[in-house]
N, C-alpha and C. Protein backbone atom coordinates (compact mmCIF):
# COMPACT_ATOMS: atom_id res chain seq x y z
N MET A 1 16.89 1.14 7.03
CA MET A 1 15.81 0.29 7.48
C MET A 1 16.08 -0.12 8.92
N ARG A 2 15.04 -0.09 9.72
CA ARG A 2 15.15 -0.54 11.12
C ARG A 2 14.52 -1.92 11.24
N LEU A 3 15.15 -2.73 12.09
CA LEU A 3 14.69 -4.10 12.31
C LEU A 3 14.52 -4.36 13.80
N ARG A 4 13.68 -5.33 14.10
CA ARG A 4 13.52 -5.83 15.48
C ARG A 4 13.78 -7.33 15.45
N VAL A 5 14.58 -7.81 16.40
CA VAL A 5 14.81 -9.24 16.55
C VAL A 5 14.22 -9.69 17.88
N GLU A 6 13.60 -10.84 17.85
CA GLU A 6 13.14 -11.53 19.07
C GLU A 6 13.80 -12.91 19.03
N PHE A 7 14.37 -13.33 20.14
CA PHE A 7 15.05 -14.63 20.12
C PHE A 7 15.01 -15.32 21.46
N THR A 8 15.15 -16.64 21.40
CA THR A 8 15.35 -17.49 22.57
C THR A 8 16.39 -18.54 22.21
N THR A 9 17.05 -19.05 23.24
CA THR A 9 17.99 -20.15 23.04
C THR A 9 17.54 -21.33 23.89
N GLU A 10 17.88 -22.51 23.44
CA GLU A 10 17.52 -23.72 24.17
C GLU A 10 18.74 -24.62 24.27
N PRO A 11 18.81 -25.50 25.22
CA PRO A 11 17.75 -25.93 26.12
C PRO A 11 17.56 -24.94 27.28
N PHE A 12 16.32 -24.92 27.76
CA PHE A 12 15.97 -24.06 28.90
C PHE A 12 16.45 -24.70 30.19
N ASP A 13 16.72 -23.85 31.16
CA ASP A 13 17.01 -24.30 32.52
C ASP A 13 16.36 -23.26 33.43
N LEU A 14 15.31 -23.65 34.12
CA LEU A 14 14.57 -22.71 34.95
C LEU A 14 15.30 -22.35 36.24
N ASP A 15 16.27 -23.16 36.64
CA ASP A 15 16.99 -22.89 37.88
C ASP A 15 18.14 -21.91 37.70
N GLU A 16 18.80 -21.99 36.55
CA GLU A 16 19.99 -21.16 36.32
C GLU A 16 20.13 -20.91 34.82
N ALA A 17 20.44 -19.68 34.46
CA ALA A 17 20.61 -19.35 33.04
C ALA A 17 21.80 -20.12 32.48
N PRO A 18 21.59 -20.89 31.40
CA PRO A 18 22.70 -21.63 30.81
C PRO A 18 23.69 -20.71 30.11
N ALA A 19 24.89 -21.22 29.89
CA ALA A 19 25.96 -20.43 29.28
C ALA A 19 25.55 -19.85 27.93
N HIS A 20 24.84 -20.63 27.12
CA HIS A 20 24.46 -20.14 25.79
C HIS A 20 23.50 -18.96 25.88
N ALA A 21 22.63 -18.96 26.88
CA ALA A 21 21.69 -17.84 27.07
C ALA A 21 22.45 -16.59 27.51
N LEU A 22 23.39 -16.75 28.40
CA LEU A 22 24.18 -15.61 28.87
C LEU A 22 25.02 -15.02 27.74
N VAL A 23 25.62 -15.88 26.93
CA VAL A 23 26.43 -15.41 25.81
C VAL A 23 25.56 -14.64 24.82
N ALA A 24 24.39 -15.17 24.49
CA ALA A 24 23.50 -14.51 23.54
C ALA A 24 23.09 -13.14 24.05
N ARG A 25 22.76 -13.05 25.31
CA ARG A 25 22.38 -11.76 25.89
C ARG A 25 23.53 -10.78 25.88
N GLU A 26 24.72 -11.25 26.20
CA GLU A 26 25.90 -10.36 26.18
C GLU A 26 26.15 -9.81 24.78
N VAL A 27 26.00 -10.65 23.77
CA VAL A 27 26.22 -10.20 22.39
C VAL A 27 25.24 -9.09 22.06
N ILE A 28 23.97 -9.28 22.37
CA ILE A 28 22.95 -8.28 22.04
C ILE A 28 23.15 -7.01 22.85
N GLN A 29 23.47 -7.14 24.13
CA GLN A 29 23.66 -5.96 24.96
C GLN A 29 24.90 -5.16 24.54
N ALA A 30 25.92 -5.82 24.00
CA ALA A 30 27.14 -5.14 23.59
C ALA A 30 27.02 -4.51 22.19
N ALA A 31 26.04 -4.93 21.42
CA ALA A 31 25.87 -4.42 20.05
C ALA A 31 25.31 -3.00 20.08
N ASP A 32 25.46 -2.32 18.97
CA ASP A 32 24.97 -0.95 18.83
C ASP A 32 23.49 -0.99 18.45
N LEU A 33 22.66 -1.43 19.42
CA LEU A 33 21.22 -1.58 19.19
C LEU A 33 20.44 -0.76 20.20
N ASP A 34 19.16 -0.54 19.91
CA ASP A 34 18.26 0.21 20.77
C ASP A 34 17.24 -0.73 21.40
N ASP A 35 16.60 -0.23 22.42
CA ASP A 35 15.46 -0.94 23.03
C ASP A 35 15.77 -2.41 23.29
N VAL A 36 16.91 -2.68 23.89
CA VAL A 36 17.28 -4.05 24.21
C VAL A 36 16.53 -4.46 25.47
N ASP A 37 15.86 -5.61 25.40
CA ASP A 37 15.11 -6.13 26.53
C ASP A 37 15.42 -7.62 26.65
N VAL A 38 16.11 -7.99 27.71
CA VAL A 38 16.44 -9.39 27.92
C VAL A 38 15.64 -9.93 29.09
N GLY A 39 15.21 -11.17 28.96
CA GLY A 39 14.41 -11.78 30.01
C GLY A 39 14.59 -13.29 30.00
N PRO A 40 13.98 -13.96 30.95
CA PRO A 40 14.18 -15.41 31.07
C PRO A 40 13.52 -16.21 29.95
N PHE A 41 12.50 -15.67 29.30
CA PHE A 41 11.78 -16.44 28.29
C PHE A 41 11.82 -15.83 26.90
N GLY A 42 12.53 -14.75 26.73
CA GLY A 42 12.64 -14.14 25.42
C GLY A 42 13.42 -12.84 25.51
N ASN A 43 13.96 -12.45 24.38
CA ASN A 43 14.79 -11.26 24.32
C ASN A 43 14.45 -10.50 23.05
N THR A 44 14.49 -9.18 23.11
CA THR A 44 14.23 -8.37 21.93
C THR A 44 15.24 -7.24 21.85
N ALA A 45 15.44 -6.76 20.64
CA ALA A 45 16.29 -5.59 20.41
C ALA A 45 15.91 -4.99 19.07
N GLU A 46 16.15 -3.70 18.94
CA GLU A 46 15.88 -2.99 17.69
C GLU A 46 17.13 -2.25 17.28
N GLY A 47 17.23 -2.00 15.98
CA GLY A 47 18.35 -1.21 15.50
C GLY A 47 18.38 -1.13 13.98
N GLU A 48 19.37 -0.40 13.49
CA GLU A 48 19.56 -0.30 12.05
C GLU A 48 19.92 -1.68 11.51
N ALA A 49 19.53 -1.94 10.28
CA ALA A 49 19.67 -3.27 9.68
C ALA A 49 21.09 -3.82 9.78
N ASP A 50 22.10 -3.06 9.39
CA ASP A 50 23.47 -3.58 9.40
C ASP A 50 23.91 -3.98 10.80
N ALA A 51 23.64 -3.14 11.77
CA ALA A 51 24.04 -3.44 13.15
C ALA A 51 23.29 -4.65 13.69
N LEU A 52 22.00 -4.73 13.41
CA LEU A 52 21.21 -5.84 13.93
C LEU A 52 21.60 -7.15 13.26
N LEU A 53 21.79 -7.15 11.96
CA LEU A 53 22.17 -8.39 11.27
C LEU A 53 23.56 -8.86 11.67
N THR A 54 24.47 -7.94 11.92
CA THR A 54 25.80 -8.31 12.42
C THR A 54 25.69 -8.94 13.80
N ALA A 55 24.84 -8.35 14.65
CA ALA A 55 24.64 -8.89 16.00
C ALA A 55 24.00 -10.28 15.95
N VAL A 56 23.04 -10.48 15.05
CA VAL A 56 22.38 -11.78 14.93
C VAL A 56 23.38 -12.84 14.48
N ASP A 57 24.25 -12.51 13.54
CA ASP A 57 25.29 -13.44 13.10
C ASP A 57 26.16 -13.85 14.29
N SER A 58 26.61 -12.89 15.05
CA SER A 58 27.45 -13.17 16.21
C SER A 58 26.68 -13.96 17.27
N LEU A 59 25.43 -13.58 17.48
CA LEU A 59 24.59 -14.29 18.46
C LEU A 59 24.48 -15.76 18.10
N LEU A 60 24.18 -16.06 16.85
CA LEU A 60 24.04 -17.46 16.43
C LEU A 60 25.34 -18.22 16.61
N ARG A 61 26.43 -17.67 16.13
CA ARG A 61 27.71 -18.35 16.22
C ARG A 61 28.13 -18.60 17.67
N GLN A 62 28.00 -17.58 18.51
CA GLN A 62 28.47 -17.71 19.89
C GLN A 62 27.54 -18.56 20.75
N ALA A 63 26.23 -18.42 20.56
CA ALA A 63 25.29 -19.22 21.36
C ALA A 63 25.43 -20.70 21.02
N LEU A 64 25.53 -21.01 19.74
CA LEU A 64 25.73 -22.41 19.34
C LEU A 64 27.07 -22.93 19.85
N GLY A 65 28.08 -22.11 19.81
CA GLY A 65 29.39 -22.50 20.33
C GLY A 65 29.40 -22.70 21.84
N ALA A 66 28.45 -22.06 22.53
CA ALA A 66 28.37 -22.18 23.99
C ALA A 66 27.38 -23.26 24.42
N GLY A 67 26.88 -24.06 23.46
CA GLY A 67 26.05 -25.20 23.84
C GLY A 67 24.58 -25.12 23.50
N ALA A 68 24.13 -24.07 22.85
CA ALA A 68 22.73 -24.01 22.45
C ALA A 68 22.45 -25.12 21.44
N THR A 69 21.33 -25.80 21.60
CA THR A 69 20.93 -26.82 20.64
C THR A 69 19.85 -26.31 19.70
N ARG A 70 19.32 -25.13 20.04
CA ARG A 70 18.31 -24.50 19.19
C ARG A 70 18.30 -23.01 19.49
N VAL A 71 18.23 -22.21 18.45
CA VAL A 71 18.05 -20.78 18.59
C VAL A 71 16.84 -20.42 17.74
N SER A 72 15.81 -19.90 18.39
CA SER A 72 14.62 -19.46 17.67
C SER A 72 14.67 -17.96 17.58
N LEU A 73 14.50 -17.44 16.36
CA LEU A 73 14.49 -15.99 16.23
C LEU A 73 13.54 -15.55 15.14
N GLN A 74 13.12 -14.33 15.31
CA GLN A 74 12.24 -13.69 14.35
C GLN A 74 12.78 -12.29 14.13
N VAL A 75 12.87 -11.89 12.88
CA VAL A 75 13.33 -10.55 12.53
C VAL A 75 12.21 -9.86 11.77
N ASN A 76 11.84 -8.66 12.22
CA ASN A 76 10.78 -7.89 11.58
C ASN A 76 11.31 -6.53 11.14
N VAL A 77 10.85 -6.07 10.00
CA VAL A 77 11.11 -4.71 9.56
C VAL A 77 10.16 -3.81 10.33
N ILE A 78 10.70 -2.79 11.00
CA ILE A 78 9.84 -1.89 11.77
C ILE A 78 9.86 -0.47 11.24
N GLY A 79 10.71 -0.18 10.28
CA GLY A 79 10.75 1.15 9.70
C GLY A 79 11.96 1.29 8.82
N ASP A 80 12.03 2.42 8.13
CA ASP A 80 13.15 2.62 7.22
C ASP A 80 14.27 3.44 7.83
N GLY A 81 14.11 3.87 9.09
CA GLY A 81 15.15 4.65 9.76
C GLY A 81 15.19 6.09 9.32
N GLN A 82 14.28 6.48 8.43
CA GLN A 82 14.25 7.84 7.93
C GLN A 82 12.86 8.44 8.10
N GLY A 83 12.25 8.15 9.24
CA GLY A 83 10.94 8.70 9.53
C GLY A 83 9.81 7.87 8.96
N GLY A 84 10.12 6.70 8.40
CA GLY A 84 9.09 5.84 7.85
C GLY A 84 8.28 5.19 8.95
N GLY A 85 7.11 4.72 8.60
CA GLY A 85 6.25 4.07 9.58
C GLY A 85 6.71 2.66 9.85
N ASP A 86 5.98 2.00 10.75
CA ASP A 86 6.32 0.61 11.00
C ASP A 86 5.79 -0.24 9.86
N ALA A 87 6.11 -1.52 9.88
CA ALA A 87 5.78 -2.40 8.76
C ALA A 87 4.28 -2.43 8.49
N ALA A 88 3.46 -2.40 9.53
CA ALA A 88 2.01 -2.44 9.33
C ALA A 88 1.53 -1.17 8.63
N GLU A 89 2.08 -0.02 9.00
CA GLU A 89 1.68 1.22 8.36
C GLU A 89 2.10 1.24 6.90
N VAL A 90 3.28 0.76 6.60
CA VAL A 90 3.75 0.75 5.22
C VAL A 90 2.92 -0.23 4.40
N ALA A 91 2.60 -1.40 4.97
CA ALA A 91 1.86 -2.42 4.23
C ALA A 91 0.46 -1.96 3.86
N ASP A 92 -0.19 -1.19 4.73
CA ASP A 92 -1.56 -0.79 4.39
C ASP A 92 -1.62 0.61 3.78
N GLY A 93 -0.46 1.20 3.53
CA GLY A 93 -0.43 2.48 2.84
C GLY A 93 -0.39 3.69 3.75
N ARG A 94 -0.58 3.54 5.05
CA ARG A 94 -0.57 4.69 5.95
C ARG A 94 0.79 5.35 6.03
N GLY A 95 1.87 4.60 5.85
CA GLY A 95 3.20 5.17 5.98
C GLY A 95 3.83 5.55 4.66
N SER A 96 3.17 5.33 3.55
CA SER A 96 3.79 5.59 2.26
C SER A 96 3.19 6.75 1.50
N GLY A 97 2.19 7.40 2.05
CA GLY A 97 1.56 8.51 1.37
C GLY A 97 0.43 8.07 0.45
N GLU A 98 0.24 6.76 0.30
CA GLU A 98 -0.83 6.28 -0.55
C GLU A 98 -2.18 6.57 0.09
N GLY A 99 -3.13 6.93 -0.70
CA GLY A 99 -4.48 7.15 -0.20
C GLY A 99 -4.68 8.49 0.46
N GLU A 100 -3.62 9.31 0.58
CA GLU A 100 -3.78 10.61 1.19
C GLU A 100 -4.27 11.61 0.16
N GLN A 101 -5.11 12.55 0.58
CA GLN A 101 -5.63 13.53 -0.36
C GLN A 101 -5.19 14.91 -0.01
């Protein structure tokens, strides 16, 4: 199964990236993930479930340890890693073979 995580850490500082934001980004960039995109207002990454969940665990522990007072994240299933469709395709039957003739 493939997953996508989107996350932010707080408190924000528009003048300089706080230590907790830098630590969180380093964790995600060092993990065995794909399509990593880090930015000032949000970060995303995709990968296999085990790698992504391990990275999220480390991200939470290290960001909180570096002073984050809040970590907002969302994890979505985007595929099964074996040629499956994204979650929307699977949910409406397009990725599961249902409804095909």
